[in-house]
Amino acid sequence: MEAASTTVPAIVVYVTVPNKQAGKKLAESIIKEKLAACVNQVPGIESVYWWDGKVQTDSEDLLIIKTRESLLSALTDHVKANHEYEVPEVIALPITGGNLKYLEWIKNSTREI
């Protein structure tokens, strides 16, 4: 990344939730703890997955979380402690570039470790 000195390594994290209310509650707690700069909630996804020895299908919402790479462990712990699923999805993808001002905003809107 060109201006790495003004930003920090950033990631996008996917977390699925069972419904709008659960997603909003989790998203707000993540932001209040400054574990992320932004959480988008995408409603109405359909998940097909293997659980309890069979194929399951459920309607869920997807949280798309933008944060510092260094906060992944704390974010994962927060999700696990505040999620109703036995094994909540927490999947991180690196942000390899983008709008420098937005990447700086992620840095400035999240806590340092």
PDB file of N, CA and C in Angstrom:
ATOM      1  N   MET A   1       0.845  -1.168   0.000  1.00  0.00           N
ATOM      2  CA  MET A   1       0.000   0.000   0.000  1.00  0.00           C
ATOM      3  C   MET A   1       0.894   1.235   0.000  1.00  0.00           C
ATOM      4  N   GLU A   2       0.589   2.191  -0.817  1.00  0.00           N
ATOM      5  CA  GLU A   2       1.441   3.344  -1.063  1.00  0.00           C
ATOM      6  C   GLU A   2       1.757   4.160   0.191  1.00  0.00           C
ATOM      7  N   ALA A   3       0.755   4.516   0.969  1.00  0.00           N
ATOM      8  CA  ALA A   3       0.957   5.388   2.123  1.00  0.00           C
ATOM      9  C   ALA A   3       0.784   4.611   3.433  1.00  0.00           C
ATOM     10  N   ALA A   4       1.499   3.520   3.552  1.00  0.00           N
ATOM     11  CA  ALA A   4       1.342   2.646   4.711  1.00  0.00           C
ATOM     12  C   ALA A   4       1.621   3.371   6.025  1.00  0.00           C
ATOM     13  N   SER A   5       2.423   4.439   5.993  1.00  0.00           N
ATOM     14  CA  SER A   5       2.747   5.142   7.221  1.00  0.00           C
ATOM     15  C   SER A   5       1.546   5.884   7.812  1.00  0.00           C
ATOM     16  N   THR A   6       0.526   6.183   7.002  1.00  0.00           N
ATOM     17  CA  THR A   6      -0.644   6.890   7.513  1.00  0.00           C
ATOM     18  C   THR A   6      -1.817   5.956   7.792  1.00  0.00           C
ATOM     19  N   THR A   7      -1.645   4.691   7.492  1.00  0.00           N
ATOM     20  CA  THR A   7      -2.694   3.711   7.743  1.00  0.00           C
ATOM     21  C   THR A   7      -2.113   2.557   8.550  1.00  0.00           C
ATOM     22  N   VAL A   8      -2.952   1.584   8.841  1.00  0.00           N
ATOM     23  CA  VAL A   8      -2.508   0.350   9.490  1.00  0.00           C
ATOM     24  C   VAL A   8      -3.056  -0.807   8.662  1.00  0.00           C
ATOM     25  N   PRO A   9      -2.473  -2.006   8.768  1.00  0.00           N
ATOM     26  CA  PRO A   9      -3.060  -3.145   8.058  1.00  0.00           C
ATOM     27  C   PRO A   9      -4.523  -3.319   8.473  1.00  0.00           C
ATOM     28  N   ALA A  10      -5.388  -3.400   7.484  1.00  0.00           N
ATOM     29  CA  ALA A  10      -6.820  -3.474   7.749  1.00  0.00           C
ATOM     30  C   ALA A  10      -7.404  -4.749   7.148  1.00  0.00           C
ATOM     31  N   ILE A  11      -8.554  -5.157   7.705  1.00  0.00           N
ATOM     32  CA  ILE A  11      -9.229  -6.376   7.264  1.00  0.00           C
ATOM     33  C   ILE A  11     -10.726  -6.146   7.170  1.00  0.00           C
ATOM     34  N   VAL A  12     -11.370  -7.018   6.422  1.00  0.00           N
ATOM     35  CA  VAL A  12     -12.823  -7.132   6.392  1.00  0.00           C
ATOM     36  C   VAL A  12     -13.143  -8.469   7.053  1.00  0.00           C
ATOM     37  N   VAL A  13     -14.088  -8.458   7.975  1.00  0.00           N
ATOM     38  CA  VAL A  13     -14.454  -9.669   8.703  1.00  0.00           C
ATOM     39  C   VAL A  13     -15.923  -9.973   8.441  1.00  0.00           C
ATOM     40  N   TYR A  14     -16.218 -11.224   8.095  1.00  0.00           N
ATOM     41  CA  TYR A  14     -17.595 -11.674   7.908  1.00  0.00           C
ATOM     42  C   TYR A  14     -18.068 -12.403   9.162  1.00  0.00           C
ATOM     43  N   VAL A  15     -19.269 -12.033   9.615  1.00  0.00           N
ATOM     44  CA  VAL A  15     -19.922 -12.713  10.724  1.00  0.00           C
ATOM     45  C   VAL A  15     -21.393 -12.864  10.351  1.00  0.00           C
ATOM     46  N   THR A  16     -21.916 -14.084  10.377  1.00  0.00           N
ATOM     47  CA  THR A  16     -23.338 -14.272  10.140  1.00  0.00           C
ATOM     48  C   THR A  16     -24.088 -14.246  11.461  1.00  0.00           C
ATOM     49  N   VAL A  17     -25.330 -13.754  11.397  1.00  0.00           N
ATOM     50  CA  VAL A  17     -26.197 -13.666  12.569  1.00  0.00           C
ATOM     51  C   VAL A  17     -27.578 -14.192  12.190  1.00  0.00           C
ATOM     52  N   PRO A  18     -28.368 -14.641  13.172  1.00  0.00           N
ATOM     53  CA  PRO A  18     -29.633 -15.281  12.847  1.00  0.00           C
ATOM     54  C   PRO A  18     -30.735 -14.338  12.367  1.00  0.00           C
ATOM     55  N   ASN A  19     -30.645 -13.037  12.748  1.00  0.00           N
ATOM     56  CA  ASN A  19     -31.720 -12.113  12.374  1.00  0.00           C
ATOM     57  C   ASN A  19     -31.247 -10.669  12.530  1.00  0.00           C
ATOM     58  N   LYS A  20     -32.115  -9.746  12.111  1.00  0.00           N
ATOM     59  CA  LYS A  20     -31.785  -8.320  12.127  1.00  0.00           C
ATOM     60  C   LYS A  20     -31.476  -7.815  13.536  1.00  0.00           C
ATOM     61  N   GLN A  21     -32.303  -8.225  14.507  1.00  0.00           N
ATOM     62  CA  GLN A  21     -32.124  -7.731  15.873  1.00  0.00           C
ATOM     63  C   GLN A  21     -30.788  -8.181  16.469  1.00  0.00           C
ATOM     64  N   ALA A  22     -30.460  -9.446  16.284  1.00  0.00           N
ATOM     65  CA  ALA A  22     -29.187  -9.968  16.797  1.00  0.00           C
ATOM     66  C   ALA A  22     -28.015  -9.264  16.121  1.00  0.00           C
ATOM     67  N   GLY A  23     -28.135  -9.018  14.825  1.00  0.00           N
ATOM     68  CA  GLY A  23     -27.079  -8.336  14.089  1.00  0.00           C
ATOM     69  C   GLY A  23     -26.878  -6.910  14.561  1.00  0.00           C
ATOM     70  N   LYS A  24     -27.986  -6.198  14.750  1.00  0.00           N
ATOM     71  CA  LYS A  24     -27.888  -4.808  15.199  1.00  0.00           C
ATOM     72  C   LYS A  24     -27.251  -4.732  16.580  1.00  0.00           C
ATOM     73  N   LYS A  25     -27.663  -5.609  17.479  1.00  0.00           N
ATOM     74  CA  LYS A  25     -27.111  -5.617  18.843  1.00  0.00           C
ATOM     75  C   LYS A  25     -25.605  -5.900  18.820  1.00  0.00           C
ATOM     76  N   LEU A  26     -25.204  -6.904  18.044  1.00  0.00           N
ATOM     77  CA  LEU A  26     -23.783  -7.255  17.962  1.00  0.00           C
ATOM     78  C   LEU A  26     -22.990  -6.134  17.296  1.00  0.00           C
ATOM     79  N   ALA A  27     -23.511  -5.584  16.203  1.00  0.00           N
ATOM     80  CA  ALA A  27     -22.818  -4.506  15.488  1.00  0.00           C
ATOM     81  C   ALA A  27     -22.604  -3.304  16.403  1.00  0.00           C
ATOM     82  N   GLU A  28     -23.632  -2.921  17.126  1.00  0.00           N
ATOM     83  CA  GLU A  28     -23.510  -1.766  18.011  1.00  0.00           C
ATOM     84  C   GLU A  28     -22.490  -2.012  19.118  1.00  0.00           C
ATOM     85  N   SER A  29     -22.456  -3.219  19.661  1.00  0.00           N
ATOM     86  CA  SER A  29     -21.487  -3.503  20.720  1.00  0.00           C
ATOM     87  C   SER A  29     -20.059  -3.486  20.175  1.00  0.00           C
ATOM     88  N   ILE A  30     -19.876  -3.950  18.951  1.00  0.00           N
ATOM     89  CA  ILE A  30     -18.550  -3.927  18.313  1.00  0.00           C
ATOM     90  C   ILE A  30     -18.076  -2.487  18.130  1.00  0.00           C
ATOM     91  N   ILE A  31     -18.960  -1.624  17.646  1.00  0.00           N
ATOM     92  CA  ILE A  31     -18.603  -0.226  17.410  1.00  0.00           C
ATOM     93  C   ILE A  31     -18.352   0.499  18.734  1.00  0.00           C
ATOM     94  N   LYS A  32     -19.202   0.269  19.730  1.00  0.00           N
ATOM     95  CA  LYS A  32     -19.022   0.923  21.036  1.00  0.00           C
ATOM     96  C   LYS A  32     -17.692   0.566  21.674  1.00  0.00           C
ATOM     97  N   GLU A  33     -17.238  -0.664  21.450  1.00  0.00           N
ATOM     98  CA  GLU A  33     -15.945  -1.109  21.997  1.00  0.00           C
ATOM     99  C   GLU A  33     -14.764  -0.682  21.118  1.00  0.00           C
ATOM    100  N   LYS A  34     -15.067   0.023  20.019  1.00  0.00           N
ATOM    101  CA  LYS A  34     -14.050   0.480  19.058  1.00  0.00           C
ATOM    102  C   LYS A  34     -13.238  -0.681  18.479  1.00  0.00           C
ATOM    103  N   LEU A  35     -13.918  -1.814  18.338  1.00  0.00           N
ATOM    104  CA  LEU A  35     -13.292  -2.986  17.718  1.00  0.00           C
ATOM    105  C   LEU A  35     -13.381  -2.934  16.204  1.00  0.00           C
ATOM    106  N   ALA A  36     -14.150  -1.990  15.667  1.00  0.00           N
ATOM    107  CA  ALA A  36     -14.275  -1.798  14.224  1.00  0.00           C
ATOM    108  C   ALA A  36     -14.694  -0.370  13.955  1.00  0.00           C
ATOM    109  N   ALA A  37     -14.412   0.090  12.748  1.00  0.00           N
ATOM    110  CA  ALA A  37     -14.821   1.423  12.334  1.00  0.00           C
ATOM    111  C   ALA A  37     -16.234   1.418  11.776  1.00  0.00           C
ATOM    112  N   CYS A  38     -16.622   0.304  11.147  1.00  0.00           N
ATOM    113  CA  CYS A  38     -17.911   0.228  10.475  1.00  0.00           C
ATOM    114  C   CYS A  38     -18.370  -1.217  10.405  1.00  0.00           C
ATOM    115  N   VAL A  39     -19.682  -1.408  10.562  1.00  0.00           N
ATOM    116  CA  VAL A  39     -20.291  -2.720  10.364  1.00  0.00           C
ATOM    117  C   VAL A  39     -21.481  -2.539   9.433  1.00  0.00           C
ATOM    118  N   ASN A  40     -21.453  -3.204   8.286  1.00  0.00           N
ATOM    119  CA  ASN A  40     -22.611  -3.231   7.386  1.00  0.00           C
ATOM    120  C   ASN A  40     -23.401  -4.485   7.694  1.00  0.00           C
ATOM    121  N   GLN A  41     -24.720  -4.364   7.709  1.00  0.00           N
ATOM    122  CA  GLN A  41     -25.589  -5.520   7.921  1.00  0.00           C
ATOM    123  C   GLN A  41     -26.357  -5.784   6.635  1.00  0.00           C
ATOM    124  N   VAL A  42     -26.103  -6.948   6.041  1.00  0.00           N
ATOM    125  CA  VAL A  42     -26.749  -7.351   4.797  1.00  0.00           C
ATOM    126  C   VAL A  42     -27.843  -8.351   5.144  1.00  0.00           C
ATOM    127  N   PRO A  43     -29.108  -7.980   4.933  1.00  0.00           N
ATOM    128  CA  PRO A  43     -30.202  -8.875   5.303  1.00  0.00           C
ATOM    129  C   PRO A  43     -30.476  -9.939   4.249  1.00  0.00           C
ATOM    130  N   GLY A  44     -31.118 -11.005   4.695  1.00  0.00           N
ATOM    131  CA  GLY A  44     -31.715 -11.965   3.783  1.00  0.00           C
ATOM    132  C   GLY A  44     -30.784 -12.864   3.002  1.00  0.00           C
ATOM    133  N   ILE A  45     -29.658 -13.242   3.571  1.00  0.00           N
ATOM    134  CA  ILE A  45     -28.831 -14.229   2.882  1.00  0.00           C
ATOM    135  C   ILE A  45     -29.338 -15.621   3.258  1.00  0.00           C
ATOM    136  N   GLU A  46     -29.101 -16.582   2.416  1.00  0.00           N
ATOM    137  CA  GLU A  46     -29.464 -17.968   2.726  1.00  0.00           C
ATOM    138  C   GLU A  46     -28.195 -18.777   2.840  1.00  0.00           C
ATOM    139  N   SER A  47     -28.013 -19.403   3.994  1.00  0.00           N
ATOM    140  CA  SER A  47     -26.819 -20.207   4.238  1.00  0.00           C
ATOM    141  C   SER A  47     -27.174 -21.683   4.169  1.00  0.00           C
ATOM    142  N   VAL A  48     -26.347 -22.427   3.440  1.00  0.00           N
ATOM    143  CA  VAL A  48     -26.471 -23.875   3.348  1.00  0.00           C
ATOM    144  C   VAL A  48     -25.168 -24.434   3.899  1.00  0.00           C
ATOM    145  N   TYR A  49     -25.268 -25.293   4.907  1.00  0.00           N
ATOM    146  CA  TYR A  49     -24.064 -25.742   5.600  1.00  0.00           C
ATOM    147  C   TYR A  49     -24.291 -27.118   6.222  1.00  0.00           C
ATOM    148  N   TRP A  50     -23.197 -27.746   6.607  1.00  0.00           N
ATOM    149  CA  TRP A  50     -23.217 -29.054   7.247  1.00  0.00           C
ATOM    150  C   TRP A  50     -23.170 -28.862   8.749  1.00  0.00           C
ATOM    151  N   TRP A  51     -24.157 -29.404   9.487  1.00  0.00           N
ATOM    152  CA  TRP A  51     -24.181 -29.287  10.943  1.00  0.00           C
ATOM    153  C   TRP A  51     -24.977 -30.451  11.510  1.00  0.00           C
ATOM    154  N   ASP A  52     -24.520 -31.024  12.598  1.00  0.00           N
ATOM    155  CA  ASP A  52     -25.194 -32.150  13.258  1.00  0.00           C
ATOM    156  C   ASP A  52     -25.429 -33.319  12.303  1.00  0.00           C
ATOM    157  N   GLY A  53     -24.447 -33.564  11.442  1.00  0.00           N
ATOM    158  CA  GLY A  53     -24.504 -34.725  10.566  1.00  0.00           C
ATOM    159  C   GLY A  53     -25.430 -34.623   9.374  1.00  0.00           C
ATOM    160  N   LYS A  54     -25.893 -33.397   9.055  1.00  0.00           N
ATOM    161  CA  LYS A  54     -26.784 -33.251   7.898  1.00  0.00           C
ATOM    162  C   LYS A  54     -26.700 -31.843   7.323  1.00  0.00           C
ATOM    163  N   VAL A  55     -27.240 -31.690   6.115  1.00  0.00           N
ATOM    164  CA  VAL A  55     -27.290 -30.393   5.452  1.00  0.00           C
ATOM    165  C   VAL A  55     -28.384 -29.548   6.104  1.00  0.00           C
ATOM    166  N   GLN A  56     -28.027 -28.336   6.465  1.00  0.00           N
ATOM    167  CA  GLN A  56     -28.958 -27.373   7.067  1.00  0.00           C
ATOM    168  C   GLN A  56     -29.093 -26.172   6.132  1.00  0.00           C
ATOM    169  N   THR A  57     -30.234 -25.528   6.149  1.00  0.00           N
ATOM    170  CA  THR A  57     -30.462 -24.290   5.399  1.00  0.00           C
ATOM    171  C   THR A  57     -31.156 -23.300   6.320  1.00  0.00           C
ATOM    172  N   ASP A  58     -30.595 -22.097   6.402  1.00  0.00           N
ATOM    173  CA  ASP A  58     -31.170 -21.063   7.265  1.00  0.00           C
ATOM    174  C   ASP A  58     -31.083 -19.701   6.604  1.00  0.00           C
ATOM    175  N   SER A  59     -32.044 -18.861   6.922  1.00  0.00           N
ATOM    176  CA  SER A  59     -32.002 -17.451   6.550  1.00  0.00           C
ATOM    177  C   SER A  59     -31.184 -16.732   7.623  1.00  0.00           C
ATOM    178  N   GLU A  60     -30.246 -15.917   7.196  1.00  0.00           N
ATOM    179  CA  GLU A  60     -29.384 -15.190   8.123  1.00  0.00           C
ATOM    180  C   GLU A  60     -29.134 -13.791   7.586  1.00  0.00           C
ATOM    181  N   ASP A  61     -28.537 -12.954   8.410  1.00  0.00           N
ATOM    182  CA  ASP A  61     -27.981 -11.684   7.970  1.00  0.00           C
ATOM    183  C   ASP A  61     -26.466 -11.816   8.027  1.00  0.00           C
ATOM    184  N   LEU A  62     -25.787 -11.028   7.214  1.00  0.00           N
ATOM    185  CA  LEU A  62     -24.327 -11.037   7.177  1.00  0.00           C
ATOM    186  C   LEU A  62     -23.809  -9.696   7.667  1.00  0.00           C
ATOM    187  N   LEU A  63     -22.924  -9.719   8.639  1.00  0.00           N
ATOM    188  CA  LEU A  63     -22.225  -8.517   9.069  1.00  0.00           C
ATOM    189  C   LEU A  63     -20.894  -8.446   8.337  1.00  0.00           C
ATOM    190  N   ILE A  64     -20.633  -7.298   7.740  1.00  0.00           N
ATOM    191  CA  ILE A  64     -19.359  -7.030   7.060  1.00  0.00           C
ATOM    192  C   ILE A  64     -18.667  -5.962   7.891  1.00  0.00           C
ATOM    193  N   ILE A  65     -17.580  -6.359   8.533  1.00  0.00           N
ATOM    194  CA  ILE A  65     -16.929  -5.536   9.556  1.00  0.00           C
ATOM    195  C   ILE A  65     -15.575  -5.055   9.028  1.00  0.00           C
ATOM    196  N   LYS A  66     -15.332  -3.743   9.108  1.00  0.00           N
ATOM    197  CA  LYS A  66     -14.047  -3.180   8.699  1.00  0.00           C
ATOM    198  C   LYS A  66     -13.264  -2.762   9.930  1.00  0.00           C
ATOM    199  N   THR A  67     -12.036  -3.284  10.056  1.00  0.00           N
ATOM    200  CA  THR A  67     -11.256  -3.024  11.261  1.00  0.00           C
ATOM    201  C   THR A  67      -9.758  -3.159  10.988  1.00  0.00           C
ATOM    202  N   ARG A  68      -8.994  -2.936  12.036  1.00  0.00           N
ATOM    203  CA  ARG A  68      -7.538  -3.154  11.993  1.00  0.00           C
ATOM    204  C   ARG A  68      -7.253  -4.653  12.080  1.00  0.00           C
ATOM    205  N   GLU A  69      -6.245  -5.089  11.382  1.00  0.00           N
ATOM    206  CA  GLU A  69      -5.821  -6.489  11.479  1.00  0.00           C
ATOM    207  C   GLU A  69      -5.443  -6.839  12.919  1.00  0.00           C
ATOM    208  N   SER A  70      -4.840  -5.900  13.621  1.00  0.00           N
ATOM    209  CA  SER A  70      -4.381  -6.155  14.993  1.00  0.00           C
ATOM    210  C   SER A  70      -5.529  -6.370  15.977  1.00  0.00           C
ATOM    211  N   LEU A  71      -6.761  -6.030  15.593  1.00  0.00           N
ATOM    212  CA  LEU A  71      -7.910  -6.206  16.477  1.00  0.00           C
ATOM    213  C   LEU A  71      -8.663  -7.515  16.237  1.00  0.00           C
ATOM    214  N   LEU A  72      -8.192  -8.344  15.311  1.00  0.00           N
ATOM    215  CA  LEU A  72      -8.919  -9.566  14.977  1.00  0.00           C
ATOM    216  C   LEU A  72      -9.134 -10.478  16.179  1.00  0.00           C
ATOM    217  N   SER A  73      -8.135 -10.688  16.974  1.00  0.00           N
ATOM    218  CA  SER A  73      -8.274 -11.576  18.134  1.00  0.00           C
ATOM    219  C   SER A  73      -9.305 -11.032  19.124  1.00  0.00           C
ATOM    220  N   ALA A  74      -9.215  -9.739  19.441  1.00  0.00           N
ATOM    221  CA  ALA A  74     -10.179  -9.125  20.369  1.00  0.00           C
ATOM    222  C   ALA A  74     -11.584  -9.139  19.780  1.00  0.00           C
ATOM    223  N   LEU A  75     -11.694  -8.879  18.486  1.00  0.00           N
ATOM    224  CA  LEU A  75     -12.996  -8.915  17.818  1.00  0.00           C
ATOM    225  C   LEU A  75     -13.578 -10.327  17.861  1.00  0.00           C
ATOM    226  N   THR A  76     -12.771 -11.327  17.573  1.00  0.00           N
ATOM    227  CA  THR A  76     -13.219 -12.722  17.600  1.00  0.00           C
ATOM    228  C   THR A  76     -13.712 -13.101  18.999  1.00  0.00           C
ATOM    229  N   ASP A  77     -12.949 -12.729  20.018  1.00  0.00           N
ATOM    230  CA  ASP A  77     -13.362 -13.007  21.399  1.00  0.00           C
ATOM    231  C   ASP A  77     -14.692 -12.327  21.721  1.00  0.00           C
ATOM    232  N   HIS A  78     -14.861 -11.089  21.270  1.00  0.00           N
ATOM    233  CA  HIS A  78     -16.095 -10.342  21.511  1.00  0.00           C
ATOM    234  C   HIS A  78     -17.284 -11.024  20.837  1.00  0.00           C
ATOM    235  N   VAL A  79     -17.095 -11.437  19.582  1.00  0.00           N
ATOM    236  CA  VAL A  79     -18.175 -12.118  18.864  1.00  0.00           C
ATOM    237  C   VAL A  79     -18.542 -13.412  19.585  1.00  0.00           C
ATOM    238  N   LYS A  80     -17.554 -14.204  19.946  1.00  0.00           N
ATOM    239  CA  LYS A  80     -17.824 -15.482  20.620  1.00  0.00           C
ATOM    240  C   LYS A  80     -18.564 -15.274  21.948  1.00  0.00           C
ATOM    241  N   ALA A  81     -18.251 -14.214  22.660  1.00  0.00           N
ATOM    242  CA  ALA A  81     -18.874 -13.950  23.954  1.00  0.00           C
ATOM    243  C   ALA A  81     -20.283 -13.367  23.831  1.00  0.00           C
ATOM    244  N   ASN A  82     -20.608 -12.787  22.671  1.00  0.00           N
ATOM    245  CA  ASN A  82     -21.871 -12.068  22.523  1.00  0.00           C
ATOM    246  C   ASN A  82     -22.765 -12.609  21.409  1.00  0.00           C
ATOM    247  N   HIS A  83     -22.465 -13.789  20.924  1.00  0.00           N
ATOM    248  CA  HIS A  83     -23.208 -14.392  19.815  1.00  0.00           C
ATOM    249  C   HIS A  83     -23.983 -15.594  20.322  1.00  0.00           C
ATOM    250  N   GLU A  84     -25.162 -15.813  19.776  1.00  0.00           N
ATOM    251  CA  GLU A  84     -25.972 -16.938  20.255  1.00  0.00           C
ATOM    252  C   GLU A  84     -25.610 -18.272  19.605  1.00  0.00           C
ATOM    253  N   TYR A  85     -24.834 -18.249  18.524  1.00  0.00           N
ATOM    254  CA  TYR A  85     -24.445 -19.507  17.884  1.00  0.00           C
ATOM    255  C   TYR A  85     -23.374 -20.205  18.715  1.00  0.00           C
ATOM    256  N   GLU A  86     -23.414 -21.515  18.696  1.00  0.00           N
ATOM    257  CA  GLU A  86     -22.399 -22.323  19.371  1.00  0.00           C
ATOM    258  C   GLU A  86     -21.022 -22.107  18.747  1.00  0.00           C
ATOM    259  N   VAL A  87     -20.989 -22.011  17.418  1.00  0.00           N
ATOM    260  CA  VAL A  87     -19.745 -21.784  16.677  1.00  0.00           C
ATOM    261  C   VAL A  87     -19.982 -20.643  15.682  1.00  0.00           C
ATOM    262  N   PRO A  88     -19.855 -19.392  16.128  1.00  0.00           N
ATOM    263  CA  PRO A  88     -20.109 -18.285  15.208  1.00  0.00           C
ATOM    264  C   PRO A  88     -19.036 -18.166  14.133  1.00  0.00           C
ATOM    265  N   GLU A  89     -19.494 -17.780  12.952  1.00  0.00           N
ATOM    266  CA  GLU A  89     -18.576 -17.531  11.846  1.00  0.00           C
ATOM    267  C   GLU A  89     -17.819 -16.237  12.107  1.00  0.00           C
ATOM    268  N   VAL A  90     -16.504 -16.305  12.032  1.00  0.00           N
ATOM    269  CA  VAL A  90     -15.643 -15.123  12.054  1.00  0.00           C
ATOM    270  C   VAL A  90     -14.551 -15.411  11.035  1.00  0.00           C
ATOM    271  N   ILE A  91     -14.648 -14.767   9.872  1.00  0.00           N
ATOM    272  CA  ILE A  91     -13.707 -15.001   8.779  1.00  0.00           C
ATOM    273  C   ILE A  91     -13.122 -13.666   8.361  1.00  0.00           C
ATOM    274  N   ALA A  92     -11.797 -13.541   8.354  1.00  0.00           N
ATOM    275  CA  ALA A  92     -11.125 -12.286   8.028  1.00  0.00           C
ATOM    276  C   ALA A  92     -10.453 -12.347   6.661  1.00  0.00           C
ATOM    277  N   LEU A  93     -10.599 -11.266   5.911  1.00  0.00           N
ATOM    278  CA  LEU A  93      -9.956 -11.117   4.610  1.00  0.00           C
ATOM    279  C   LEU A  93      -9.120  -9.839   4.628  1.00  0.00           C
ATOM    280  N   PRO A  94      -7.917  -9.858   4.066  1.00  0.00           N
ATOM    281  CA  PRO A  94      -7.080  -8.653   4.076  1.00  0.00           C
ATOM    282  C   PRO A  94      -7.616  -7.595   3.116  1.00  0.00           C
ATOM    283  N   ILE A  95      -7.458  -6.345   3.510  1.00  0.00           N
ATOM    284  CA  ILE A  95      -7.708  -5.221   2.605  1.00  0.00           C
ATOM    285  C   ILE A  95      -6.355  -4.857   2.016  1.00  0.00           C
ATOM    286  N   THR A  96      -6.208  -5.018   0.714  1.00  0.00           N
ATOM    287  CA  THR A  96      -4.910  -4.807   0.076  1.00  0.00           C
ATOM    288  C   THR A  96      -4.767  -3.438  -0.568  1.00  0.00           C
ATOM    289  N   GLY A  97      -5.819  -2.647  -0.546  1.00  0.00           N
ATOM    290  CA  GLY A  97      -5.773  -1.307  -1.118  1.00  0.00           C
ATOM    291  C   GLY A  97      -7.139  -0.669  -1.027  1.00  0.00           C
ATOM    292  N   GLY A  98      -7.215   0.560  -1.496  1.00  0.00           N
ATOM    293  CA  GLY A  98      -8.494   1.259  -1.485  1.00  0.00           C
ATOM    294  C   GLY A  98      -8.299   2.746  -1.311  1.00  0.00           C
ATOM    295  N   ASN A  99      -9.382   3.431  -0.994  1.00  0.00           N
ATOM    296  CA  ASN A  99      -9.378   4.868  -0.779  1.00  0.00           C
ATOM    297  C   ASN A  99      -8.552   5.179   0.469  1.00  0.00           C
ATOM    298  N   LEU A 100      -7.454   5.873   0.297  1.00  0.00           N
ATOM    299  CA  LEU A 100      -6.543   6.166   1.402  1.00  0.00           C
ATOM    300  C   LEU A 100      -7.260   6.869   2.552  1.00  0.00           C
ATOM    301  N   LYS A 101      -8.127   7.806   2.249  1.00  0.00           N
ATOM    302  CA  LYS A 101      -8.862   8.521   3.300  1.00  0.00           C
ATOM    303  C   LYS A 101      -9.744   7.559   4.098  1.00  0.00           C
ATOM    304  N   TYR A 102     -10.360   6.581   3.436  1.00  0.00           N
ATOM    305  CA  TYR A 102     -11.193   5.593   4.130  1.00  0.00           C
ATOM    306  C   TYR A 102     -10.329   4.696   5.007  1.00  0.00           C
ATOM    307  N   LEU A 103      -9.186   4.270   4.494  1.00  0.00           N
ATOM    308  CA  LEU A 103      -8.286   3.422   5.272  1.00  0.00           C
ATOM    309  C   LEU A 103      -7.741   4.172   6.491  1.00  0.00           C
ATOM    310  N   GLU A 104      -7.471   5.459   6.336  1.00  0.00           N
ATOM    311  CA  GLU A 104      -7.057   6.278   7.478  1.00  0.00           C
ATOM    312  C   GLU A 104      -8.192   6.390   8.488  1.00  0.00           C
ATOM    313  N   TRP A 105      -9.431   6.514   7.994  1.00  0.00           N
ATOM    314  CA  TRP A 105     -10.593   6.599   8.869  1.00  0.00           C
ATOM    315  C   TRP A 105     -10.742   5.313   9.689  1.00  0.00           C
ATOM    316  N   ILE A 106     -10.519   4.146   9.066  1.00  0.00           N
ATOM    317  CA  ILE A 106     -10.544   2.888   9.822  1.00  0.00           C
ATOM    318  C   ILE A 106      -9.539   2.956  10.967  1.00  0.00           C
ATOM    319  N   LYS A 107      -8.337   3.401  10.662  1.00  0.00           N
ATOM    320  CA  LYS A 107      -7.297   3.513  11.696  1.00  0.00           C
ATOM    321  C   LYS A 107      -7.732   4.451  12.815  1.00  0.00           C
ATOM    322  N   ASN A 108      -8.265   5.604  12.459  1.00  0.00           N
ATOM    323  CA  ASN A 108      -8.596   6.629  13.440  1.00  0.00           C
ATOM    324  C   ASN A 108      -9.880   6.342  14.215  1.00  0.00           C
ATOM    325  N   SER A 109     -10.668   5.404  13.733  1.00  0.00           N
ATOM    326  CA  SER A 109     -11.959   5.106  14.364  1.00  0.00           C
ATOM    327  C   SER A 109     -11.925   3.846  15.227  1.00  0.00           C
ATOM    328  N   THR A 110     -10.769   3.232  15.339  1.00  0.00           N
ATOM    329  CA  THR A 110     -10.638   1.991  16.102  1.00  0.00           C
ATOM    330  C   THR A 110      -9.576   2.170  17.171  1.00  0.00           C
ATOM    331  N   ARG A 111      -9.646   1.295  18.179  1.00  0.00           N
ATOM    332  CA  ARG A 111      -8.688   1.397  19.271  1.00  0.00           C
ATOM    333  C   ARG A 111      -7.361   0.754  18.876  1.00  0.00           C
ATOM    334  N   GLU A 112      -6.325   1.219  19.535  1.00  0.00           N
ATOM    335  CA  GLU A 112      -5.003   0.609  19.352  1.00  0.00           C
ATOM    336  C   GLU A 112      -4.855  -0.517  20.357  1.00  0.00           C
ATOM    337  N   ILE A 113      -4.035  -1.501  20.012  1.00  0.00           N
ATOM    338  CA  ILE A 113      -3.791  -2.620  20.927  1.00  0.00           C
ATOM    339  C   ILE A 113      -2.644  -2.239  21.841  1.00  0.00           C
TER     340      ILE A 113
END
